[in-house]
Protein backbone atom coordinates (compact mmCIF):
# COMPACT_ATOMS: atom_id res chain seq x y z
CA MET A 1 -4.77 67.15 -13.82
CA ALA A 2 -2.37 64.57 -12.36
CA ALA A 3 1.17 64.19 -13.63
CA PRO A 4 1.93 60.99 -15.57
CA LEU A 5 3.10 58.05 -13.48
CA ALA A 6 6.90 57.79 -13.25
CA THR A 7 8.08 54.28 -14.13
CA VAL A 8 11.19 52.37 -15.14
CA ARG A 9 11.65 49.49 -17.56
CA ASP A 10 13.14 46.10 -16.68
CA GLY A 11 16.39 46.91 -18.48
CA ASP A 12 16.86 50.48 -17.27
CA ASP A 13 20.17 51.45 -15.71
CA ILE A 14 20.40 51.87 -11.92
CA LEU A 15 21.57 55.46 -12.25
CA ASP A 16 18.67 56.27 -14.60
CA ALA A 17 16.22 54.85 -12.08
CA LEU A 18 17.78 56.90 -9.27
CA ALA A 19 17.63 60.03 -11.42
CA ARG A 20 13.95 59.39 -12.21
CA MET A 21 13.21 58.98 -8.50
CA ARG A 22 15.01 62.22 -7.72
CA GLU A 23 13.27 64.12 -10.53
CA ASN A 24 9.85 62.94 -9.35
CA GLY A 25 10.50 63.13 -5.61
CA VAL A 26 9.65 59.47 -5.01
CA ARG A 27 11.36 56.54 -3.26
CA ARG A 28 9.70 53.78 -5.27
CA LEU A 29 8.92 53.22 -8.95
CA PRO A 30 6.81 50.65 -10.75
CA VAL A 31 8.91 48.45 -13.04
CA LEU A 32 7.37 47.66 -16.43
CA ASP A 33 8.27 44.82 -18.79
CA GLU A 34 8.70 45.28 -22.55
CA ALA A 35 4.94 44.97 -23.08
CA GLY A 36 4.30 47.75 -20.58
CA HIS A 37 2.93 45.40 -17.91
CA LEU A 38 3.83 45.74 -14.26
CA SER A 39 6.63 43.34 -13.37
CA GLY A 40 7.51 44.75 -9.94
CA ILE A 41 8.38 47.75 -7.84
CA ILE A 42 11.88 49.06 -7.15
CA ALA A 43 12.72 51.09 -4.06
CA VAL A 44 15.63 53.45 -3.55
CA ASP A 45 16.86 51.08 -0.81
CA ASN A 46 17.17 48.28 -3.42
CA LEU A 47 19.12 50.53 -5.76
CA LEU A 48 21.48 51.74 -3.03
CA GLU A 49 22.12 48.14 -1.96
CA ALA A 50 22.97 47.16 -5.55
CA LEU A 51 25.29 50.17 -5.89
CA ALA A 52 27.00 49.32 -2.60
CA GLU A 53 27.64 45.76 -3.82
CA GLN A 54 29.16 47.07 -7.05
CA LEU A 55 31.35 49.57 -5.20
CA ASP A 56 32.51 46.85 -2.81
CA ALA A 57 33.56 44.73 -5.79
CA VAL A 58 35.49 47.66 -7.27
CA VAL A 59 37.22 48.29 -3.94
CA GLY A 60 38.28 44.63 -3.89
CA VAL A 61 39.81 44.94 -7.34
CA VAL A 62 41.62 48.16 -6.43
CA LYS A 63 43.04 46.64 -3.24
CA ALA A 64 44.22 43.52 -5.09
CA GLU A 65 45.84 45.68 -7.76
CA GLN A 66 47.58 47.84 -5.14
CA THR A 67 48.94 44.73 -3.45
CA ARG A 68 50.15 43.34 -6.78
CA GLU A 69 51.84 46.64 -7.66
CA THR A 70 53.53 46.82 -4.26
CA VAL A 71 54.92 43.29 -4.66
CA THR A 72 56.01 43.99 -8.24
CA ARG A 73 57.91 47.15 -7.25
CA LYS A 74 60.05 45.37 -4.65
């Protein structure tokens, strides 16, 4: 008997989707809408790209804050 199909929902968190991929040993997951209909497919590459964008934004904030603190301390 085949294992149930691993899927994610439209609103699922990126980290949850990555965990589901890891648990099931897959690189892609079908994305279902609230009615349970297929709305797309997400690949690990898409998730990593989204995470990289978020990390880049955080790095920008940290650098700006470091610069502001350095100026304030002088």
